[in-house]
Amino acid sequence: MPSAVVLVSVANLREKDVAVMPQLKQMLAGGEIVELVPSFPALTCPVQANMTTGTLPRDHGVVANGFYWREQNQVEMWTSANDCILQPQIWDILREKTKVRSALWFPLHSKYAQAEYICTPSPIHHPDGSESLWCYTKPPELYGQLCEQFGHFPLQHFWGPLAGIQSTRWIVESAVWTARKFRPEFWYIYIPHLDYAAQRSGPDSAQAQQALQELDGQLGRLAQGFQEIYGKELFWIIAGEYAIVPVSHVVYPNRLLREAGLLRVQPTDDGELLDLSASQAWVLVDHQCGHVFVRDAKPERIRRVVELFQHQEGIAEVLTREHLPQYSLDHPRSGEVVLISRPDSWQAYYWWLDDRQAPRFARTVDIHRKPGYDPVELFFDPANRSIPLNANLVKGSHGAPATSAQQRTVLLVSQPGLLPDRMIRDVDVFNLVLRQFGVL
C-alpha cells in the first residue's frame, strides 16, 4: 500500500498542456496518462461528486453548481454543505473500512464532511454586506494555525477580477504544512487556477499559457513538499475534471422567458429582482447547462418552454423529463426542462432588459445572490469601478456533453499498469483510489 494517495483536481488540464509543464511531468515520471471523459453536466460540483462517489447525478443529487430548493423556494449557489451529496464518498468508505485518515483541501461541498482534516473557504457575511476572510477547517482550530503561518486565505485571488496564482500558492503551502503536521494517508486537493485565464481570454490564449507555467511551479512545490514527508511510496492521481472550450456566442434564457411572459420580476430600489413565486418558469444557468424550473410542472407550460428554446440559436438540445435518463440527470433536483448549449455558446443568467434596471449585485462579485454562474465576475470595468454587464467578454466555457476530444481532459497517475488503454470516465476515479488502499 502506498504511504499516501493524493488526488488533485486540476480543472481544465488538457493533454497538450501536460507537454509544456515540466514539473508536472517529473511529478508523474514513470506513470501513465489517459483521456478523462467528464459526464454531463461537465461542471465543477457534479464532476467532483462523480469522482468521489463513483455515481452520477441521478444518484448523488448534485445536478449543477447550485440548487433550487423547491420547498423553500430558494436558490443556493456554492454554499451547500457535504450532506447535499446523497451517496458515500471516498473518505466515508475509508473511514468505515480502514484506519486511513483523509484530508479535503478546497473541494466543493466539503463543509461538515466526515474526513479527519478539512479546509474550505467560508467567509463570514455581515449584515451590511461586507465579509471577513475565514475558512471552515476540521479540526476547528486548524485555520487559526494556518493563519499564523500563511495569513488569511486570499479569497480575492480565488475568484473575481483579481483571481490568480496567489490562492493556489496558499492552498499548496497550507497543504504541505498540514501534511507535515498530521500525515493523513488520503488527500483530495482542488486547484482551479487554469479556469481563470481560459474563461477570460480563451483556453489557448497567451494568458492561458502563462497560467500553465504558474501552476506548474506550484505543482512542483506540492510534489517536493509531499515527497519529503511521505517518501517514494507516495501515489499521485491528477484529474483534469473538464476542459474549457472557446465560445463566441451567449444565450440569455431568462430574458427569453421574460419576453414570452413566463418570467416575472419585482422592481425594487436595488433594481429588478427575479420573482420566483410569480414566475411560471425561470432558469438556473450554469456555464453551458440550464435547469428550467416550471411552476407546478404543468404540461402546457413545459411545452411552451420547449417550443421557445427548441430552435434558439446557441442551444443544442432541449431535454424534458423523459430525456433526462440518457444523461443520468433524472433526479428530483433537476429542472423540468434542461437546456444544453452548443460547444461554442454559453448561458448568462441576466433577466433585465435594460442595464439601468439590473440589480445592484449584478455589478459586484456576489456568487451567492445570483441564481446562476456568472463568469463576467472575472472582469472589471475601471470606468464604473464595478463588474461589467457585458457577457460577450467571456471567451471560454464548459459543461456541455464531452462529445469531442476538445471537450475531454486527462487523468495522470504516478505508477504504470493501472489505467485502461484509451480513456477513463470521471466516475471511475472512485474505484481507482479505493483500490490503492485494498478496499476493492
Protein backbone atom coordinates (compact mmCIF):
# COMPACT_ATOMS: atom_id res chain seq x y z
CA MET A 1 0.00 0.00 0.00
CA PRO A 2 1.31 3.50 -0.79
CA SER A 3 2.41 5.81 2.02
CA ALA A 4 -0.31 8.21 0.85
CA VAL A 5 -2.66 8.69 -2.10
CA VAL A 6 -3.06 12.26 -3.33
CA LEU A 7 -5.92 13.05 -5.72
CA VAL A 8 -5.53 16.52 -7.19
CA SER A 9 -8.37 18.05 -9.22
CA VAL A 10 -6.74 20.46 -11.68
CA ALA A 11 -9.69 21.98 -13.52
CA ASN A 12 -9.21 22.38 -17.29
CA LEU A 13 -5.97 20.40 -17.56
CA ARG A 14 -5.63 19.05 -21.11
CA GLU A 15 -3.21 16.59 -22.66
CA LYS A 16 -1.44 19.25 -24.70
CA ASP A 17 -0.99 21.29 -21.53
CA VAL A 18 0.94 18.48 -19.84
CA ALA A 19 3.54 18.65 -22.62
CA VAL A 20 4.59 22.17 -21.54
CA MET A 21 4.57 21.52 -17.77
CA PRO A 22 7.98 20.02 -16.89
CA GLN A 23 7.43 19.87 -13.14
CA LEU A 24 4.12 18.06 -13.57
CA LYS A 25 5.81 15.56 -15.90
CA GLN A 26 8.57 15.00 -13.35
CA MET A 27 5.96 14.57 -10.62
CA LEU A 28 4.31 11.77 -12.65
CA ALA A 29 7.52 10.29 -14.12
CA GLY A 30 7.19 6.57 -14.73
CA GLY A 31 3.41 6.70 -14.56
CA GLU A 32 0.81 6.95 -17.28
CA ILE A 33 -1.74 9.29 -18.81
CA VAL A 34 -5.17 8.61 -20.29
CA GLU A 35 -8.06 10.67 -21.63
CA LEU A 36 -10.66 11.55 -18.97
CA VAL A 37 -14.28 11.87 -20.08
CA PRO A 38 -16.36 14.12 -17.80
CA SER A 39 -20.04 13.25 -17.50
CA PHE A 40 -22.72 15.80 -18.34
CA PRO A 41 -23.06 18.32 -16.90
CA ALA A 42 -19.28 18.81 -17.07
CA LEU A 43 -19.27 21.29 -14.18
CA THR A 44 -17.17 21.54 -11.02
CA CYS A 45 -19.60 20.27 -8.38
CA PRO A 46 -21.19 17.43 -10.39
CA VAL A 47 -17.83 16.14 -11.68
CA GLN A 48 -16.26 16.25 -8.21
CA ALA A 49 -19.25 14.34 -6.84
CA ASN A 50 -18.95 11.83 -9.72
CA MET A 51 -15.29 11.21 -8.91
CA THR A 52 -15.71 10.93 -5.14
CA THR A 53 -18.86 8.76 -5.09
CA GLY A 54 -18.43 6.67 -8.24
CA THR A 55 -22.03 7.54 -9.12
CA LEU A 56 -23.81 10.04 -11.37
CA PRO A 57 -26.24 12.91 -10.58
CA ARG A 58 -29.31 10.64 -10.63
CA ASP A 59 -27.83 9.01 -7.50
CA HIS A 60 -25.78 11.66 -5.70
CA GLY A 61 -28.13 14.56 -6.49
CA VAL A 62 -25.56 17.21 -7.50
CA VAL A 63 -27.13 18.34 -10.78
CA ALA A 64 -25.28 21.67 -11.12
CA ASN A 65 -23.09 24.08 -9.14
CA GLY A 66 -26.21 25.28 -7.36
CA PHE A 67 -29.57 24.04 -6.19
CA TYR A 68 -33.14 25.26 -6.31
CA TRP A 69 -34.82 24.07 -3.14
CA ARG A 70 -38.43 23.94 -4.26
CA GLU A 71 -39.98 23.58 -0.80
CA GLN A 72 -38.21 26.70 0.48
CA ASN A 73 -38.46 28.49 -2.88
CA GLN A 74 -34.77 29.35 -2.54
CA VAL A 75 -31.68 29.18 -4.72
CA GLU A 76 -28.39 28.14 -3.14
CA MET A 77 -25.19 28.66 -5.10
CA TRP A 78 -21.84 27.23 -3.96
CA THR A 79 -22.61 27.08 -0.22
CA SER A 80 -24.25 23.68 0.26
CA ALA A 81 -22.68 21.53 2.95
CA ASN A 82 -21.48 17.97 2.36
CA ASP A 83 -24.85 16.41 3.11
CA CYS A 84 -26.17 17.67 -0.25
CA ILE A 85 -24.24 14.72 -1.72
CA LEU A 86 -26.53 11.75 -1.26
CA GLN A 87 -24.01 8.91 -1.70
CA PRO A 88 -20.97 7.82 0.37
CA GLN A 89 -17.73 9.43 -0.74
CA ILE A 90 -14.20 8.08 -0.80
CA TRP A 91 -13.39 9.26 2.72
CA ASP A 92 -16.62 7.78 4.08
CA ILE A 93 -15.65 4.35 2.74
CA LEU A 94 -12.09 4.67 4.03
CA ARG A 95 -13.35 5.73 7.47
CA GLU A 96 -15.70 2.73 7.62
CA LYS A 97 -13.39 0.02 6.31
CA THR A 98 -9.84 1.13 7.13
CA LYS A 99 -7.79 3.24 9.50
CA VAL A 100 -6.88 5.63 6.68
CA ARG A 101 -7.30 9.32 7.57
CA SER A 102 -8.45 11.76 4.88
CA ALA A 103 -7.75 15.44 4.17
CA LEU A 104 -10.02 17.54 1.95
CA TRP A 105 -8.36 20.72 0.71
CA PHE A 106 -10.81 23.07 -1.03
CA PRO A 107 -13.11 20.68 -2.95
CA LEU A 108 -16.69 21.93 -3.24
CA HIS A 109 -19.35 20.73 -0.78
CA SER A 110 -16.71 19.57 1.74
CA LYS A 111 -18.01 21.55 4.73
CA TYR A 112 -19.01 19.18 7.57
CA ALA A 113 -17.76 16.11 5.68
CA GLN A 114 -16.64 13.09 7.69
CA ALA A 115 -12.97 13.46 6.77
CA GLU A 116 -10.45 14.00 9.55
CA TYR A 117 -8.92 17.18 8.10
CA ILE A 118 -10.72 19.83 6.03
CA CYS A 119 -10.02 23.34 4.79
CA THR A 120 -12.50 25.19 2.58
CA PRO A 121 -13.44 28.88 2.17
CA SER A 122 -16.23 30.01 4.46
CA PRO A 123 -16.20 33.83 4.69
CA ILE A 124 -18.25 35.47 7.41
CA HIS A 125 -21.05 37.59 5.90
CA HIS A 126 -22.08 40.71 7.83
CA PRO A 127 -25.48 42.49 7.77
CA ASP A 128 -24.01 45.48 5.91
CA GLY A 129 -22.99 43.24 3.01
CA SER A 130 -19.30 43.14 3.90
CA GLU A 131 -17.48 39.92 4.69
CA SER A 132 -14.50 38.77 6.74
CA LEU A 133 -11.99 36.26 5.44
CA TRP A 134 -12.34 32.86 7.04
CA CYS A 135 -12.15 29.17 6.22
CA TYR A 136 -14.04 26.24 7.69
CA THR A 137 -11.49 23.77 9.00
CA LYS A 138 -11.53 20.49 10.78
CA PRO A 139 -10.33 20.48 13.46
CA PRO A 140 -11.76 23.98 14.11
CA GLU A 141 -8.52 25.41 15.47
CA LEU A 142 -6.63 24.47 12.30
CA TYR A 143 -7.49 27.66 10.41
CA GLY A 144 -6.06 29.81 13.20
CA GLN A 145 -2.84 27.79 12.99
CA LEU A 146 -2.73 28.21 9.22
CA CYS A 147 -3.30 31.95 9.55
CA GLU A 148 -0.32 32.19 11.89
CA GLN A 149 1.83 30.51 9.23
CA PHE A 150 0.47 32.00 5.99
CA GLY A 151 -2.01 34.77 6.81
CA HIS A 152 -5.66 34.61 5.82
CA PHE A 153 -6.61 32.65 2.72
CA PRO A 154 -6.58 35.26 -0.10
CA LEU A 155 -10.21 34.85 -1.15
CA GLN A 156 -10.00 37.86 -3.51
CA HIS A 157 -7.47 35.85 -5.57
CA PHE A 158 -9.59 32.67 -5.58
CA TRP A 159 -12.37 34.26 -7.65
CA GLY A 160 -13.18 37.62 -9.21
CA PRO A 161 -11.17 40.17 -11.20
CA LEU A 162 -8.08 39.54 -9.04
CA ALA A 163 -8.23 35.74 -9.33
CA GLY A 164 -4.68 34.46 -9.71
CA ILE A 165 -1.89 32.20 -8.54
CA GLN A 166 -1.81 33.67 -5.00
CA SER A 167 -4.74 31.49 -3.90
CA THR A 168 -3.15 28.34 -5.34
CA ARG A 169 0.10 29.17 -3.55
CA TRP A 170 -1.78 29.38 -0.24
CA ILE A 171 -3.56 26.06 -0.94
CA VAL A 172 -0.26 24.32 -1.72
CA GLU A 173 1.70 25.78 1.18
CA SER A 174 -1.04 25.09 3.71
CA ALA A 175 -1.47 21.52 2.43
CA VAL A 176 2.26 20.80 2.79
CA TRP A 177 2.27 22.26 6.32
CA THR A 178 -0.78 20.18 7.29
CA ALA A 179 0.70 17.03 5.76
CA ARG A 180 3.86 17.52 7.78
CA LYS A 181 1.88 18.05 11.00
CA PHE A 182 -0.78 15.29 10.68
CA ARG A 183 0.33 12.94 7.84
CA PRO A 184 -3.15 11.89 6.58
CA GLU A 185 -2.95 8.97 4.17
CA PHE A 186 -5.51 10.25 1.63
CA TRP A 187 -5.66 13.75 0.20
CA TYR A 188 -8.18 15.38 -2.13
CA ILE A 189 -6.96 18.79 -3.30
CA TYR A 190 -8.84 21.14 -5.65
CA ILE A 191 -6.90 23.69 -7.72
CA PRO A 192 -8.98 25.86 -10.12
CA HIS A 193 -6.17 28.13 -11.38
CA LEU A 194 -6.45 27.16 -15.06
CA ASP A 195 -10.11 28.27 -15.09
CA TYR A 196 -9.40 31.98 -14.85
CA ALA A 197 -7.43 32.89 -17.98
CA ALA A 198 -9.24 30.28 -20.09
CA GLN A 199 -12.61 31.91 -19.39
CA ARG A 200 -11.29 35.48 -19.62
CA SER A 201 -9.17 35.19 -22.74
CA GLY A 202 -9.78 31.75 -24.23
CA PRO A 203 -8.24 28.33 -23.46
CA ASP A 204 -5.37 28.75 -25.93
CA SER A 205 -4.60 32.41 -25.29
CA ALA A 206 -1.22 33.76 -24.21
CA GLN A 207 -2.73 34.38 -20.78
CA ALA A 208 -3.78 30.73 -20.54
CA GLN A 209 -0.27 29.63 -21.45
CA GLN A 210 1.12 31.84 -18.70
CA ALA A 211 -1.30 30.26 -16.24
CA LEU A 212 0.11 26.83 -17.13
CA GLN A 213 3.60 27.93 -16.18
CA GLU A 214 2.39 29.48 -12.93
CA LEU A 215 0.52 26.33 -11.99
CA ASP A 216 3.41 24.06 -12.94
CA GLY A 217 5.62 25.87 -10.45
CA GLN A 218 3.12 25.33 -7.65
CA LEU A 219 2.61 21.66 -8.52
CA GLY A 220 6.36 21.27 -8.31
CA ARG A 221 6.29 22.79 -4.83
CA LEU A 222 3.48 20.44 -3.83
CA ALA A 223 5.36 17.42 -5.16
CA GLN A 224 8.59 18.36 -3.41
CA GLY A 225 6.88 19.00 -0.09
CA PHE A 226 4.81 15.82 -0.10
CA GLN A 227 7.70 13.64 -1.23
CA GLU A 228 9.82 14.95 1.63
CA ILE A 229 7.03 13.95 4.03
CA TYR A 230 5.75 10.67 2.55
CA GLY A 231 8.77 9.34 0.65
CA LYS A 232 8.93 7.44 -2.62
CA GLU A 233 5.83 5.33 -1.96
CA LEU A 234 3.58 8.34 -2.49
CA PHE A 235 0.91 7.77 -5.18
CA TRP A 236 -0.36 10.72 -7.26
CA ILE A 237 -3.61 10.98 -9.23
CA ILE A 238 -4.09 14.19 -11.24
CA ALA A 239 -7.59 14.66 -12.69
CA GLY A 240 -8.45 17.43 -15.14
CA GLU A 241 -12.19 17.47 -14.25
CA TYR A 242 -13.36 19.12 -17.52
CA ALA A 243 -11.97 21.08 -20.48
CA ILE A 244 -12.80 24.69 -21.30
CA VAL A 245 -13.52 25.36 -24.98
CA PRO A 246 -13.63 28.66 -26.90
CA VAL A 247 -17.00 30.43 -27.03
CA SER A 248 -18.15 33.28 -29.25
CA HIS A 249 -21.88 33.31 -28.50
CA VAL A 250 -24.07 33.77 -25.43
CA VAL A 251 -27.76 32.97 -24.79
CA TYR A 252 -29.93 34.75 -22.19
CA PRO A 253 -32.59 32.14 -21.29
CA ASN A 254 -34.22 34.20 -18.54
CA ARG A 255 -34.67 37.18 -20.85
CA LEU A 256 -36.33 34.92 -23.41
CA LEU A 257 -38.70 33.57 -20.76
CA ARG A 258 -39.48 37.11 -19.64
CA GLU A 259 -40.26 38.25 -23.17
CA ALA A 260 -42.54 35.22 -23.51
CA GLY A 261 -44.46 36.27 -20.39
CA LEU A 262 -43.28 33.28 -18.31
CA LEU A 263 -40.80 35.04 -16.03
CA ARG A 264 -41.69 37.87 -13.66
CA VAL A 265 -39.51 40.41 -11.90
CA GLN A 266 -40.04 42.59 -8.86
CA PRO A 267 -39.00 46.27 -9.15
CA THR A 268 -37.07 47.46 -6.08
CA ASP A 269 -34.79 50.31 -5.11
CA ASP A 270 -31.91 47.91 -5.86
CA GLY A 271 -33.13 47.15 -9.39
CA GLU A 272 -35.29 44.39 -10.83
CA LEU A 273 -35.15 41.17 -8.81
CA LEU A 274 -36.23 37.78 -10.07
CA ASP A 275 -39.63 36.92 -8.62
CA LEU A 276 -39.55 33.16 -8.16
CA SER A 277 -43.05 32.98 -6.67
CA ALA A 278 -44.75 34.81 -9.53
CA SER A 279 -42.74 33.29 -12.39
CA GLN A 280 -44.18 30.40 -14.36
CA ALA A 281 -40.67 29.40 -15.45
CA TRP A 282 -37.10 30.56 -14.82
CA VAL A 283 -33.62 29.16 -15.46
CA LEU A 284 -30.74 28.39 -13.14
CA VAL A 285 -27.96 28.79 -15.71
CA ASP A 286 -24.57 27.18 -15.23
CA HIS A 287 -21.98 27.64 -17.98
CA GLN A 288 -23.34 25.51 -20.87
CA CYS A 289 -26.23 23.95 -18.96
CA GLY A 290 -29.51 25.47 -17.78
CA HIS A 291 -32.12 23.95 -15.47
CA VAL A 292 -35.55 25.40 -16.26
CA PHE A 293 -37.88 25.18 -13.27
CA VAL A 294 -41.53 25.21 -14.38
CA ARG A 295 -44.09 26.06 -11.73
CA ASP A 296 -46.30 23.10 -10.82
CA ALA A 297 -44.67 21.16 -13.70
CA LYS A 298 -47.77 21.81 -15.78
CA PRO A 299 -47.50 20.06 -19.17
CA GLU A 300 -48.73 23.06 -21.16
CA ARG A 301 -46.10 25.30 -19.55
CA ILE A 302 -43.38 22.76 -20.17
CA ARG A 303 -44.49 22.56 -23.80
CA ARG A 304 -44.25 26.36 -24.15
CA VAL A 305 -40.73 26.32 -22.70
CA VAL A 306 -39.63 23.57 -25.06
CA GLU A 307 -41.07 25.39 -28.07
CA LEU A 308 -39.36 28.61 -27.01
CA PHE A 309 -35.88 27.07 -26.91
CA GLN A 310 -36.07 24.28 -29.47
CA HIS A 311 -34.77 26.38 -32.35
CA GLN A 312 -32.99 29.06 -30.33
CA GLU A 313 -29.54 29.93 -31.66
CA GLY A 314 -26.84 28.61 -29.34
CA ILE A 315 -28.99 25.84 -27.82
CA ALA A 316 -28.08 22.33 -28.98
CA GLU A 317 -30.59 20.24 -27.02
CA VAL A 318 -33.77 20.82 -25.02
CA LEU A 319 -34.38 17.95 -22.60
CA THR A 320 -37.60 17.15 -20.79
CA ARG A 321 -38.08 14.62 -18.00
CA GLU A 322 -38.33 11.66 -20.37
CA HIS A 323 -34.95 12.60 -21.90
CA LEU A 324 -33.02 13.12 -18.65
CA PRO A 325 -32.19 9.43 -18.04
CA GLN A 326 -29.88 9.39 -21.07
CA TYR A 327 -27.65 11.86 -19.21
CA SER A 328 -28.27 10.38 -15.72
CA LEU A 329 -29.94 13.64 -14.71
CA ASP A 330 -33.25 12.04 -13.76
CA HIS A 331 -33.24 13.36 -10.20
CA PRO A 332 -35.93 15.44 -8.44
CA ARG A 333 -33.46 18.33 -8.11
CA SER A 334 -33.20 18.72 -11.89
CA GLY A 335 -35.34 21.24 -13.73
CA GLU A 336 -38.44 20.18 -15.61
CA VAL A 337 -36.51 21.20 -18.74
CA VAL A 338 -32.72 21.18 -19.21
CA LEU A 339 -31.01 23.34 -21.84
CA ILE A 340 -27.70 22.25 -23.36
CA SER A 341 -25.60 24.83 -25.20
CA ARG A 342 -23.66 24.33 -28.39
CA PRO A 343 -19.93 23.93 -27.68
CA ASP A 344 -19.27 27.49 -28.94
CA SER A 345 -22.02 29.09 -26.82
CA TRP A 346 -22.87 29.53 -23.14
CA GLN A 347 -25.78 30.80 -21.00
CA ALA A 348 -25.88 34.02 -18.94
CA TYR A 349 -28.27 34.49 -16.01
CA TYR A 350 -29.37 38.07 -16.88
CA TRP A 351 -33.14 38.71 -16.79
CA TRP A 352 -33.29 42.52 -17.09
CA LEU A 353 -33.93 44.10 -20.50
CA ASP A 354 -32.30 47.43 -19.66
CA ASP A 355 -28.95 47.58 -17.86
CA ARG A 356 -30.23 50.54 -15.87
CA GLN A 357 -32.69 48.12 -14.22
CA ALA A 358 -30.07 45.49 -13.36
CA PRO A 359 -29.97 44.59 -9.65
CA ARG A 360 -27.16 46.20 -7.73
CA PHE A 361 -25.45 42.86 -7.04
CA ALA A 362 -25.09 42.23 -10.79
CA ARG A 363 -22.17 44.68 -10.82
CA THR A 364 -20.42 43.01 -7.88
CA VAL A 365 -18.69 39.73 -7.13
CA ASP A 366 -21.65 38.04 -5.47
CA ILE A 367 -21.64 34.32 -6.19
CA HIS A 368 -24.39 33.58 -3.67
CA ARG A 369 -27.18 36.04 -4.62
CA LYS A 370 -27.01 35.43 -8.35
CA PRO A 371 -29.25 32.49 -9.33
CA GLY A 372 -26.69 31.14 -11.73
CA TYR A 373 -22.99 31.15 -12.53
CA ASP A 374 -21.55 34.50 -13.65
CA PRO A 375 -18.10 34.32 -15.32
CA VAL A 376 -18.26 38.07 -16.02
CA GLU A 377 -17.19 38.45 -12.37
CA LEU A 378 -13.68 37.73 -13.65
CA PHE A 379 -13.65 41.15 -15.37
CA PHE A 380 -13.52 44.71 -14.04
CA ASP A 381 -14.88 47.93 -15.54
CA PRO A 382 -12.46 50.68 -14.41
CA ALA A 383 -14.75 53.47 -15.62
CA ASN A 384 -17.55 52.41 -13.27
CA ARG A 385 -15.30 50.60 -10.78
CA SER A 386 -17.54 47.55 -10.94
CA ILE A 387 -18.14 44.24 -12.66
CA PRO A 388 -19.28 44.99 -16.23
CA LEU A 389 -22.60 43.85 -17.65
CA ASN A 390 -21.17 42.55 -20.90
CA ALA A 391 -21.45 38.76 -21.21
CA ASN A 392 -19.68 38.89 -24.59
CA LEU A 393 -16.40 39.40 -22.75
CA VAL A 394 -16.29 35.71 -21.83
CA LYS A 395 -14.10 33.69 -24.21
CA GLY A 396 -14.22 30.18 -22.71
CA SER A 397 -16.81 27.89 -21.16
CA HIS A 398 -17.61 24.24 -20.39
CA GLY A 399 -20.41 21.97 -19.23
CA ALA A 400 -21.88 20.56 -22.47
CA PRO A 401 -21.56 16.80 -23.14
CA ALA A 402 -17.98 15.86 -23.97
CA THR A 403 -18.62 14.51 -27.45
CA SER A 404 -15.33 15.71 -28.98
CA ALA A 405 -11.68 15.39 -27.97
CA GLN A 406 -11.59 19.15 -27.39
CA GLN A 407 -14.13 18.74 -24.56
CA ARG A 408 -12.27 15.94 -22.81
CA THR A 409 -9.47 16.26 -20.31
CA VAL A 410 -6.81 13.92 -18.85
CA LEU A 411 -6.05 11.74 -15.87
CA LEU A 412 -2.48 11.01 -14.83
CA VAL A 413 -1.11 8.57 -12.25
CA SER A 414 2.42 8.08 -10.92
CA GLN A 415 2.52 4.29 -11.45
CA PRO A 416 2.12 2.28 -14.68
CA GLY A 417 -0.30 -0.51 -15.43
CA LEU A 418 -3.34 0.92 -13.63
CA LEU A 419 -5.30 2.69 -16.36
CA PRO A 420 -7.24 1.46 -19.41
CA ASP A 421 -5.65 1.85 -22.83
CA ARG A 422 -7.74 4.71 -24.22
CA MET A 423 -9.94 6.61 -21.79
CA ILE A 424 -11.43 6.66 -18.32
CA ARG A 425 -14.68 8.17 -17.00
CA ASP A 426 -14.89 10.56 -14.08
CA VAL A 427 -16.90 8.01 -12.05
CA ASP A 428 -14.01 5.51 -12.36
CA VAL A 429 -11.73 7.69 -10.20
CA PHE A 430 -13.63 6.44 -7.12
CA ASN A 431 -12.55 2.82 -7.63
CA LEU A 432 -9.05 3.83 -8.71
CA VAL A 433 -8.47 5.49 -5.33
CA LEU A 434 -10.06 2.77 -3.20
CA ARG A 435 -8.05 0.04 -4.91
CA GLN A 436 -4.85 1.66 -3.68
CA PHE A 437 -6.00 1.03 -0.13
CA GLY A 438 -7.09 -2.55 -0.78
CA VAL A 439 -10.76 -1.75 -0.24
CA LEU A 440 -11.92 -3.19 -3.59
